[in-house]
Every structure is written in C-alpha cells, then in structure tokens.
Amino acid sequence: MLNTIKSLRTRNENKRYAGLPSDLPVSDLPTYRQVVQYSYFILKNTNSIRNINSPKIVSKVASDLIDLWIRVNPKLPLIHEKSVTKKRFRLFIKVLSAEGKFKNSNKNKEYLDCNFERLFDLSSCNCGLPVIACNDKSVKCRNQPDCKTTHFACLCEVNKKVPLLDREYLKDQKLKIGTIGRFQIGTIDKKAVAIEKRKRDREINQQIRSANSLATEIQCDHYMDCDLDNKNDSETDPNCSITAPAERNQTYLTNLAKAAIRYNSNGDPVVVAAIKEEYHLTFTAESGPTSQSYLTHEVIPNGIGATMANATANVLLEFNSVQSLIAVILDNTSSNTGCDSGSVVKLEKIINKNLHLLGCLLHQNELPLRHIISELDGKTVSPSSFKWPIREAASNLTLHEQPLFQFVPIKSEVELLLTKRL
C-alpha cells in the first residue's frame, strides 16, 4: 500500500482577496476591507457553516457592525438593520466575483480596489455634510469675522439629521483612506466633564434662584394697601401709583416660563405641548322638545368612517333617535360619503336602516368642474402652484376683473323622486 503525503498550504496560498480573517476594530469605524475580513473571521470560527453568504453569518456581521457604530458614537443616525444586511450581502457578491467565483470579476475588482480602504458607511445621512460659511443664515457663529472653526451643514431630513457636535467626526470618517481617522475612542476626559458639570450646575442654581424670587414677589402681591397701613379706606394717596394688572402679568409670566423649564436625565429640555389635537363629534338637536340645544360630544381616536359611524350610533341609541333619523347632511369627503368605508355606509349597517344622504351643495358643484378641468387641462402637480393654462388663468390675481360669461341654460325635464316621509 502506497504512503500518502499531505501537502500543507502556505499563508500566501490560503490568503483571501481582502486579506487574512481578522476581528473588527475597537476604536474606529470599519472599512470595506475590514468588513470582509471580519466575515471570514466569523466563518472560520463557525464549523457548521461553509457558505460565507449564509443568512446566519450575514445577520451576525450586520448586528455586530451596528453595535460597533453605536459604541463608537451613539448619537449618529443609522440605517435599518435590513438595509445593513442587504449592503453586506451585495458586498460579498462582488468579493466572490473578484475571487473568480462569479462573472464580471474585472469590473468588481476595480470597484473593490477603489473602495476597500473607505468607510463601510451605515449612517442614514447622505448629504455629504458640506462646509458652509460663517455668515450663512443656518450658522449662529459669534466669532465673525475671525472665526477659525469649520462649520458643517446636514441637509437631510429631521430623522436623518446628524447632531451638530458629531458632524465633524462623521465627515472625517467618510473621507478617511485607511483604517485610522483623526478621531478615535479614548478614555473619559475628566477635565472637560468637570467643566460641563459646573456649567450645568450654575444653570440649575440660577433657575432655582429665579423661581424663588418669583415666588416671593407673587406672594407679596396678595397683600393690599389696606392691610399695610391704618388709613381710612375713603382716603386716597396721590403719590401712590398702581401697576396695571396686564403689566404685572406680562412681567411675571416671562419669568415664570423661564423657571418652569425642566430637563431630563441627558440634559435636554423637556417641552410639553400646550395645544392637544383631538377628533370629536358634536351633536345638537334641531327639532323636537330640545330644539336648538347642545346634546353631547364624543371624542374619537381617529377620523375614519367606521369610527365616526360607531360614535354616531351610540349617540342615536342614547337619545332614542334611531327611528326618527331620516337623512344625513355631510360634506362630500371620502371618510363621510365613501361607497365602501364611509361613515354613512357604516352607520346604515349598524342601525340596519337606509338613510338619505344630503351632500354639501358647494362640494357637489365643485367636483364636476374639477373633473372637467382635469380632463381638459391635466392633473394637478402641487396644492399651491398651478402649471397648466386653465389653472394659471384661474389663479391670476386679476381674475375678478374679467367680464362674466353669459351662460345659456339647457332646458330639460327631470323626474323628481320624493318619498312621502320627505
């Protein structure tokens, strides 16, 4: 029997396209190369999986990447985990193609060679964080014209906007070539933390002193002149000046608003909305013994047809008005008069009764005209601007100065269908 000789592969022969497997960095955001190396690192330590693009490895790498971004800077807005998974999956399609396992290897090699040392970006900000001047209206710079600070603007939506203090860091990471940028995770800066803590304590103490002084002033206002001296009430002092109540309220409310601001655990001010929006239905009696009087109102969670129909049915049952209800007068909106889910259709099913619908005449006259203009002039492109000839002429400010057109009536006979009850 012949002896078999096992040949060992050297490190160069076993080297991947992106390099040897390795763990993720600790103090920097990873590049494309480091993401590929970490994927092979996970594959190497997982014995039961052979495919680098298996769902288990893809989800593991995506989750670890998100954790690293949050650990490096928790305030950066990130894309969703599903988007991270798709981005990592597409990256390895290019890597496997560059290794000769798929087509278009040369094209994918060029792409990887250009981006291997760049950031594997997971931030939802895609505006590029442009540099703006100090005199820009979006920058509140107090050091003009001797300012030496670089101001970065984030033009993304509100939920994707990068905080002001983190824009320079993210800009540096997006532009870096290689694994190390100008900013890294370090130990806690105790000096900076102490300065910030003293500043915060001074602000809180100032607010407390302002609130205490305000409470003293308000308490003194409860005493009147008759309580402070023994003069006759009929006597008047010409040197005594009385401050108007409106002026006192204006001064006190300003201080009171400043003292009422509170902060949460991370130092951000907590603001409570002064106006609360709600959906409600108001019911009045138009005939009968309680004519022209308020009956009740129902607060509803939303304005869809089914919700309004249920609330209306409850009020009709409460006031014994189901049998006497004949017609419903409503605006011609989809939630009111929709043929499938409108409030009238739902109400008819609840009370098991057909109702006569009386729509708003203004809406009924408007809708046919809108359909005619849409057919002749085209559909609308914006709620506040007009593009087509008819709408541009109708939106002209001199429209009321134009002469009226003499319409010719078209005479016809229309059979009137009126029930005995109406």
Protein backbone atom coordinates (compact mmCIF):
# COMPACT_ATOMS: atom_id res chain seq x y z
CA MET A 1 0.00 0.00 0.00
CA LEU A 2 1.39 3.38 -1.03
CA ASN A 3 2.02 6.04 1.57
CA THR A 4 0.02 9.27 1.12
CA ILE A 5 1.81 12.57 1.59
CA LYS A 6 -0.26 15.56 2.79
CA SER A 7 0.85 18.92 1.43
CA LEU A 8 0.33 21.97 3.62
CA ARG A 9 -0.84 25.24 2.11
CA THR A 10 1.24 28.26 2.88
CA ARG A 11 -0.21 31.52 4.18
CA ASN A 12 0.09 33.20 0.79
CA GLU A 13 -1.73 30.35 -0.91
CA ASN A 14 -4.53 30.46 1.66
CA LYS A 15 -4.88 34.26 1.53
CA ARG A 16 -8.25 35.74 0.59
CA TYR A 17 -8.78 38.63 -1.81
CA ALA A 18 -9.25 41.09 1.09
CA GLY A 19 -6.57 39.59 3.32
CA LEU A 20 -6.49 37.20 6.25
CA PRO A 21 -9.51 36.87 8.57
CA SER A 22 -9.48 39.32 11.48
CA ASP A 23 -11.79 40.78 14.10
CA LEU A 24 -13.45 44.19 13.89
CA PRO A 25 -11.53 47.27 15.10
CA VAL A 26 -12.21 48.65 18.55
CA SER A 27 -11.61 52.40 18.26
CA ASP A 28 -12.53 53.10 14.62
CA LEU A 29 -15.42 52.54 12.27
CA PRO A 30 -14.64 49.65 9.86
CA THR A 31 -13.75 49.92 6.19
CA TYR A 32 -14.92 47.64 3.39
CA ARG A 33 -11.77 45.51 3.76
CA GLN A 34 -12.28 45.10 7.50
CA VAL A 35 -15.91 44.04 7.00
CA VAL A 36 -14.80 41.35 4.52
CA GLN A 37 -12.04 40.17 6.85
CA TYR A 38 -14.44 40.01 9.78
CA SER A 39 -16.92 37.96 7.73
CA TYR A 40 -14.22 35.38 7.01
CA PHE A 41 -13.28 35.54 10.69
CA ILE A 42 -16.84 34.57 11.66
CA LEU A 43 -16.87 31.83 9.01
CA LYS A 44 -13.59 30.44 10.31
CA ASN A 45 -14.93 30.18 13.88
CA THR A 46 -18.21 28.58 12.78
CA ASN A 47 -17.73 24.91 11.96
CA SER A 48 -21.27 24.12 10.82
CA ILE A 49 -21.41 26.76 8.04
CA ARG A 50 -19.43 26.70 4.81
CA ASN A 51 -21.12 29.49 2.80
CA ILE A 52 -19.87 33.00 3.51
CA ASN A 53 -23.22 34.47 2.38
CA SER A 54 -25.37 32.27 4.60
CA PRO A 55 -28.17 34.15 6.43
CA LYS A 56 -26.68 33.35 9.84
CA ILE A 57 -23.29 34.90 9.06
CA VAL A 58 -24.84 37.87 7.24
CA SER A 59 -27.14 38.70 10.16
CA LYS A 60 -24.29 38.20 12.67
CA VAL A 61 -21.99 40.59 10.81
CA ALA A 62 -24.77 43.18 10.35
CA SER A 63 -25.65 43.09 14.05
CA ASP A 64 -22.02 43.44 15.14
CA LEU A 65 -21.47 46.35 12.75
CA ILE A 66 -24.46 48.22 14.19
CA ASP A 67 -23.24 47.56 17.74
CA LEU A 68 -19.81 48.92 16.84
CA TRP A 69 -21.27 52.11 15.34
CA ILE A 70 -23.44 52.65 18.41
CA ARG A 71 -20.48 52.02 20.72
CA VAL A 72 -18.27 54.46 18.82
CA ASN A 73 -20.92 57.22 18.66
CA PRO A 74 -24.46 56.53 19.94
CA LYS A 75 -25.90 59.79 18.53
CA LEU A 76 -25.31 59.06 14.84
CA PRO A 77 -28.49 58.20 12.86
CA LEU A 78 -28.12 54.75 11.28
CA ILE A 79 -29.91 52.90 8.51
CA HIS A 80 -32.19 49.98 9.35
CA GLU A 81 -30.70 46.56 10.12
CA LYS A 82 -32.33 45.10 6.99
CA SER A 83 -30.53 47.70 4.87
CA VAL A 84 -27.24 46.82 6.56
CA THR A 85 -27.83 43.14 5.79
CA LYS A 86 -28.54 43.88 2.12
CA LYS A 87 -25.49 46.12 1.85
CA ARG A 88 -23.21 43.44 3.31
CA PHE A 89 -24.75 40.75 1.05
CA ARG A 90 -24.13 42.85 -2.08
CA LEU A 91 -20.55 43.47 -0.96
CA PHE A 92 -19.78 39.75 -0.80
CA ILE A 93 -21.32 39.14 -4.19
CA LYS A 94 -18.64 41.48 -5.53
CA VAL A 95 -15.93 39.85 -3.39
CA LEU A 96 -16.77 36.33 -4.56
CA SER A 97 -16.91 37.59 -8.14
CA ALA A 98 -13.49 39.20 -7.75
CA GLU A 99 -12.14 35.88 -6.45
CA GLY A 100 -13.24 34.27 -9.71
CA LYS A 101 -16.38 32.50 -8.50
CA PHE A 102 -18.85 34.63 -10.48
CA LYS A 103 -18.91 36.69 -13.65
CA ASN A 104 -17.66 40.28 -14.14
CA SER A 105 -14.60 39.67 -11.97
CA ASN A 106 -12.57 42.51 -13.51
CA LYS A 107 -15.38 45.05 -13.01
CA ASN A 108 -15.88 44.04 -9.39
CA LYS A 109 -12.12 44.09 -8.74
CA GLU A 110 -11.97 47.69 -9.92
CA TYR A 111 -14.85 48.63 -7.61
CA LEU A 112 -13.29 46.90 -4.61
CA ASP A 113 -9.83 48.33 -5.25
CA CYS A 114 -11.32 51.84 -5.21
CA ASN A 115 -13.42 51.34 -2.06
CA PHE A 116 -11.59 48.75 0.07
CA GLU A 117 -9.92 51.41 2.22
CA ARG A 118 -13.02 53.60 2.54
CA LEU A 119 -15.66 53.61 5.26
CA PHE A 120 -18.38 50.95 5.18
CA ASP A 121 -20.97 53.65 5.82
CA LEU A 122 -24.05 52.77 7.89
CA SER A 123 -25.19 56.33 8.60
CA SER A 124 -28.53 57.44 7.20
CA CYS A 125 -27.06 60.84 6.31
CA ASN A 126 -26.44 61.03 2.56
CA CYS A 127 -26.00 64.78 2.02
CA GLY A 128 -22.21 64.69 2.28
CA LEU A 129 -22.12 67.23 5.17
CA PRO A 130 -21.00 70.23 3.08
CA VAL A 131 -18.90 73.03 4.58
CA ILE A 132 -20.75 76.35 4.94
CA ALA A 133 -19.52 79.85 5.66
CA CYS A 134 -19.84 81.60 9.00
CA ASN A 135 -22.18 84.24 7.57
CA ASP A 136 -24.69 81.63 6.43
CA LYS A 137 -28.15 82.04 7.95
CA SER A 138 -28.12 78.45 9.27
CA VAL A 139 -24.92 79.09 11.28
CA LYS A 140 -25.05 81.07 14.51
CA CYS A 141 -21.37 81.95 14.69
CA ARG A 142 -20.35 84.57 17.28
CA ASN A 143 -16.71 84.81 16.23
CA GLN A 144 -17.17 86.53 12.89
CA PRO A 145 -15.08 87.56 11.02
CA ASP A 146 -12.15 85.97 12.92
CA CYS A 147 -13.74 82.53 13.16
CA LYS A 148 -11.38 79.61 12.58
CA THR A 149 -13.97 76.88 13.10
CA THR A 150 -15.15 74.77 10.17
CA HIS A 151 -18.94 74.61 10.06
CA PHE A 152 -20.63 71.55 8.57
CA ALA A 153 -24.28 71.54 7.48
CA CYS A 154 -26.56 68.50 7.41
CA LEU A 155 -29.22 68.88 4.71
CA CYS A 156 -31.02 65.60 5.44
CA GLU A 157 -34.49 65.09 6.86
CA VAL A 158 -35.15 65.58 10.56
CA ASN A 159 -34.98 61.86 11.43
CA LYS A 160 -31.72 61.51 9.45
CA LYS A 161 -30.01 64.71 10.57
CA VAL A 162 -26.61 64.37 12.23
CA PRO A 163 -26.20 66.30 15.54
CA LEU A 164 -24.11 69.44 15.30
CA LEU A 165 -21.26 68.22 17.52
CA ASP A 166 -20.93 64.92 15.63
CA ARG A 167 -20.79 66.24 12.07
CA GLU A 168 -17.03 66.83 12.00
CA TYR A 169 -16.39 63.28 13.24
CA LEU A 170 -18.68 61.68 10.65
CA LYS A 171 -17.23 63.86 7.89
CA ASP A 172 -13.73 62.71 8.84
CA GLN A 173 -14.80 59.05 8.80
CA LYS A 174 -16.44 59.41 5.38
CA LEU A 175 -13.30 60.97 3.88
CA LYS A 176 -10.67 58.78 5.54
CA ILE A 177 -8.50 56.47 3.44
CA GLY A 178 -7.38 53.54 5.55
CA THR A 179 -8.32 52.21 8.93
CA ILE A 180 -7.48 55.18 11.16
CA GLY A 181 -9.09 58.62 11.11
CA ARG A 182 -8.34 61.80 13.02
CA PHE A 183 -10.85 60.89 15.77
CA GLN A 184 -10.72 57.78 17.92
CA ILE A 185 -12.40 56.44 21.05
CA GLY A 186 -10.44 57.37 24.13
CA THR A 187 -10.82 57.44 27.88
CA ILE A 188 -13.14 59.89 29.62
CA ASP A 189 -11.90 63.48 29.51
CA LYS A 190 -12.34 64.25 33.20
CA LYS A 191 -11.40 67.90 32.78
CA ALA A 192 -14.00 68.52 30.07
CA VAL A 193 -16.64 66.60 32.03
CA ALA A 194 -15.94 68.65 35.17
CA ILE A 195 -16.24 71.92 33.23
CA GLU A 196 -19.52 70.82 31.69
CA LYS A 197 -20.85 69.69 35.08
CA ARG A 198 -20.04 73.05 36.71
CA LYS A 199 -21.71 74.86 33.82
CA ARG A 200 -24.84 72.74 34.18
CA ASP A 201 -24.91 73.26 37.96
CA ARG A 202 -24.69 77.04 37.52
CA GLU A 203 -27.64 77.00 35.12
CA ILE A 204 -29.74 74.91 37.51
CA ASN A 205 -28.90 77.13 40.51
CA GLN A 206 -29.74 80.24 38.51
CA GLN A 207 -33.12 78.78 37.59
CA ILE A 208 -33.81 77.88 41.23
CA ARG A 209 -32.92 81.41 42.42
CA SER A 210 -35.13 82.91 39.72
CA ALA A 211 -38.03 80.68 40.77
CA ASN A 212 -37.60 81.54 44.47
CA SER A 213 -37.50 85.28 43.80
CA LEU A 214 -40.57 84.96 41.60
CA ALA A 215 -42.47 83.12 44.34
CA THR A 216 -41.61 85.89 46.84
CA GLU A 217 -42.83 88.62 44.50
CA ILE A 218 -46.07 86.80 43.76
CA GLN A 219 -46.71 86.19 47.48
CA CYS A 220 -46.29 89.90 48.28
CA ASP A 221 -48.85 90.84 45.67
CA HIS A 222 -51.58 89.19 47.74
CA TYR A 223 -51.38 92.00 50.35
CA MET A 224 -53.32 95.14 49.58
CA ASP A 225 -52.68 98.71 50.72
CA CYS A 226 -55.43 98.46 53.33
CA ASP A 227 -53.54 95.62 55.04
CA LEU A 228 -50.26 97.55 55.30
CA ASP A 229 -51.47 100.77 56.98
CA ASN A 230 -54.22 102.10 59.22
CA LYS A 231 -55.52 104.79 56.90
CA ASN A 232 -59.18 105.22 56.15
CA ASP A 233 -60.35 103.35 53.08
CA SER A 234 -62.01 106.51 51.75
CA GLU A 235 -58.70 108.42 51.78
CA THR A 236 -56.54 108.36 48.68
CA ASP A 237 -52.83 108.94 48.36
CA PRO A 238 -51.95 110.95 45.22
CA ASN A 239 -48.34 109.71 45.36
CA CYS A 240 -49.36 106.07 45.25
CA SER A 241 -49.08 104.51 41.78
CA ILE A 242 -50.95 101.35 41.00
CA THR A 243 -49.47 98.99 38.42
CA ALA A 244 -51.90 97.74 35.85
CA PRO A 245 -52.68 94.00 36.14
CA ALA A 246 -51.80 93.44 32.50
CA GLU A 247 -48.28 94.79 33.04
CA ARG A 248 -47.73 92.65 36.13
CA ASN A 249 -48.91 89.52 34.35
CA GLN A 250 -46.68 90.19 31.37
CA THR A 251 -43.58 90.50 33.56
CA TYR A 252 -44.39 87.57 35.80
CA LEU A 253 -45.34 85.19 33.01
CA THR A 254 -42.00 85.78 31.32
CA ASN A 255 -40.07 84.82 34.48
CA LEU A 256 -42.46 82.00 35.23
CA ALA A 257 -41.91 80.48 31.80
CA LYS A 258 -38.15 80.54 32.32
CA ALA A 259 -38.44 78.93 35.73
CA ALA A 260 -40.82 76.24 34.50
CA ILE A 261 -38.36 74.70 32.02
CA ARG A 262 -37.24 71.26 33.17
CA TYR A 263 -34.52 68.89 31.91
CA ASN A 264 -34.44 65.13 31.56
CA SER A 265 -31.60 62.78 32.50
CA ASN A 266 -29.39 63.57 29.49
CA GLY A 267 -29.74 67.35 29.86
CA ASP A 268 -32.17 68.04 27.02
CA PRO A 269 -35.07 70.40 27.82
CA VAL A 270 -38.47 68.78 28.15
CA VAL A 271 -41.25 70.67 26.38
CA VAL A 272 -44.92 69.81 26.80
CA ALA A 273 -47.32 70.71 24.01
CA ALA A 274 -49.72 73.47 25.01
CA ILE A 275 -52.33 72.50 22.39
CA LYS A 276 -53.68 68.98 22.17
CA GLU A 277 -55.24 67.85 18.92
CA GLU A 278 -58.24 65.55 19.08
CA TYR A 279 -61.02 64.21 16.86
CA HIS A 280 -64.50 64.74 18.21
CA LEU A 281 -68.12 64.81 17.03
CA THR A 282 -70.59 67.39 18.36
CA PHE A 283 -74.33 66.60 18.42
CA THR A 284 -77.13 69.20 18.64
CA ALA A 285 -80.92 68.95 18.47
CA GLU A 286 -82.55 70.80 15.55
CA SER A 287 -86.18 69.86 16.26
CA GLY A 288 -88.41 68.44 18.97
CA PRO A 289 -88.66 69.46 22.62
CA THR A 290 -84.88 70.11 22.88
CA SER A 291 -84.68 72.12 19.66
CA GLN A 292 -81.58 74.29 19.13
CA SER A 293 -79.77 72.89 22.14
CA TYR A 294 -76.47 71.10 22.69
CA LEU A 295 -76.76 67.37 23.32
CA THR A 296 -73.27 65.91 23.72
CA HIS A 297 -69.95 65.37 22.03
CA GLU A 298 -67.87 62.23 21.51
CA VAL A 299 -64.06 62.16 21.44
CA ILE A 300 -62.88 59.61 18.86
CA PRO A 301 -59.35 58.24 18.26
CA ASN A 302 -59.32 58.98 14.51
CA GLY A 303 -61.40 60.38 11.69
CA ILE A 304 -62.10 57.25 9.63
CA GLY A 305 -65.63 56.32 8.62
CA ALA A 306 -66.08 53.28 10.87
CA THR A 307 -65.04 55.19 14.00
CA MET A 308 -67.40 58.09 13.28
CA ALA A 309 -70.26 55.68 12.50
CA ASN A 310 -69.86 53.80 15.80
CA ALA A 311 -69.80 57.04 17.80
CA THR A 312 -72.86 58.36 15.96
CA ALA A 313 -74.79 55.13 16.51
CA ASN A 314 -74.09 55.24 20.25
CA VAL A 315 -75.45 58.79 20.50
CA LEU A 316 -78.55 57.88 18.46
CA LEU A 317 -79.26 54.98 20.81
CA GLU A 318 -78.67 57.15 23.88
CA PHE A 319 -81.20 59.79 22.78
CA ASN A 320 -83.69 57.33 21.16
CA SER A 321 -83.26 58.88 17.71
CA VAL A 322 -82.67 55.81 15.55
CA GLN A 323 -86.26 55.54 14.32
CA SER A 324 -86.68 59.28 13.75
CA LEU A 325 -83.47 59.62 11.75
CA ILE A 326 -84.31 60.11 8.05
CA ALA A 327 -81.42 61.93 6.35
CA VAL A 328 -77.78 62.79 6.99
CA ILE A 329 -76.20 66.07 5.88
CA LEU A 330 -72.44 65.80 5.37
CA ASP A 331 -69.53 67.17 3.40
CA ASN A 332 -68.63 65.13 0.34
CA THR A 333 -65.41 63.60 1.64
CA SER A 334 -64.24 60.01 1.34
CA SER A 335 -64.47 59.42 5.09
CA ASN A 336 -68.08 60.67 5.13
CA THR A 337 -69.66 59.61 1.84
CA GLY A 338 -67.36 56.82 0.64
CA CYS A 339 -69.25 54.00 -1.03
CA ASP A 340 -67.36 51.24 0.83
CA SER A 341 -65.96 52.61 4.10
CA GLY A 342 -67.71 55.96 4.50
CA SER A 343 -69.40 56.84 7.78
CA VAL A 344 -72.90 56.84 6.21
CA VAL A 345 -72.49 53.34 4.75
CA LYS A 346 -71.14 52.02 8.06
CA LEU A 347 -73.94 53.73 10.01
CA GLU A 348 -76.60 52.14 7.77
CA LYS A 349 -75.16 48.70 8.51
CA ILE A 350 -75.04 49.34 12.26
CA ILE A 351 -78.62 50.60 12.68
CA ASN A 352 -79.93 48.38 9.84
CA LYS A 353 -81.68 51.26 8.12
CA ASN A 354 -81.35 53.10 4.81
CA LEU A 355 -80.58 56.81 5.11
CA HIS A 356 -80.99 59.67 2.69
CA LEU A 357 -77.67 61.43 2.11
CA LEU A 358 -77.64 65.19 1.57
CA GLY A 359 -74.21 66.32 0.44
CA CYS A 360 -72.81 69.83 0.58
CA LEU A 361 -74.02 71.76 -2.48
CA LEU A 362 -70.75 73.66 -2.74
CA HIS A 363 -68.80 70.41 -2.94
CA GLN A 364 -71.30 68.90 -5.37
CA ASN A 365 -70.97 71.91 -7.66
CA GLU A 366 -67.19 71.90 -7.34
CA LEU A 367 -66.43 68.25 -8.08
CA PRO A 368 -67.83 68.11 -11.66
CA LEU A 369 -65.92 71.28 -12.51
CA ARG A 370 -62.72 69.81 -11.08
CA HIS A 371 -63.14 66.67 -13.20
CA ILE A 372 -63.73 68.74 -16.34
CA ILE A 373 -60.62 70.85 -15.70
CA SER A 374 -58.56 67.70 -15.03
CA GLU A 375 -59.66 66.19 -18.35
CA LEU A 376 -59.03 69.38 -20.35
CA ASP A 377 -56.04 70.82 -18.52
CA GLY A 378 -54.30 67.84 -16.90
CA LYS A 379 -53.89 66.70 -13.32
CA THR A 380 -52.63 68.94 -10.55
CA VAL A 381 -48.94 68.86 -9.69
CA SER A 382 -48.96 70.84 -6.44
CA PRO A 383 -51.51 72.10 -3.89
CA SER A 384 -50.14 75.66 -4.03
CA SER A 385 -48.84 76.15 -7.58
CA PHE A 386 -50.54 75.85 -10.96
CA LYS A 387 -48.87 74.73 -14.16
CA TRP A 388 -51.45 74.34 -16.90
CA PRO A 389 -53.18 77.19 -18.86
CA ILE A 390 -56.66 76.99 -17.30
CA ARG A 391 -55.34 76.85 -13.73
CA GLU A 392 -52.83 79.63 -14.37
CA ALA A 393 -55.61 81.86 -15.69
CA ALA A 394 -57.90 80.95 -12.77
CA SER A 395 -55.18 81.72 -10.22
CA ASN A 396 -54.44 85.15 -11.68
CA LEU A 397 -54.96 87.98 -9.20
CA THR A 398 -56.94 89.95 -11.79
CA LEU A 399 -59.48 87.16 -12.30
CA HIS A 400 -62.24 89.13 -10.55
CA GLU A 401 -61.79 91.95 -13.07
CA GLN A 402 -62.62 89.73 -16.04
CA PRO A 403 -66.13 90.04 -17.58
CA LEU A 404 -68.69 87.40 -16.68
CA PHE A 405 -69.68 84.89 -19.32
CA GLN A 406 -73.37 84.69 -20.19
CA PHE A 407 -74.32 81.04 -19.81
CA VAL A 408 -77.20 79.61 -21.81
CA PRO A 409 -79.48 77.33 -19.76
CA ILE A 410 -80.26 73.89 -21.16
CA LYS A 411 -83.91 73.10 -20.55
CA SER A 412 -84.90 69.51 -19.80
CA GLU A 413 -87.43 67.58 -17.78
CA VAL A 414 -86.17 65.66 -14.75
CA GLU A 415 -88.45 63.37 -12.80
CA LEU A 416 -88.44 64.17 -9.10
CA LEU A 417 -88.33 61.15 -6.80
CA LEU A 418 -89.60 62.22 -3.39
CA THR A 419 -90.72 59.85 -0.67
CA LYS A 420 -93.83 60.51 1.33
CA ARG A 421 -91.83 60.93 4.51
CA LEU A 422 -89.75 63.71 2.95
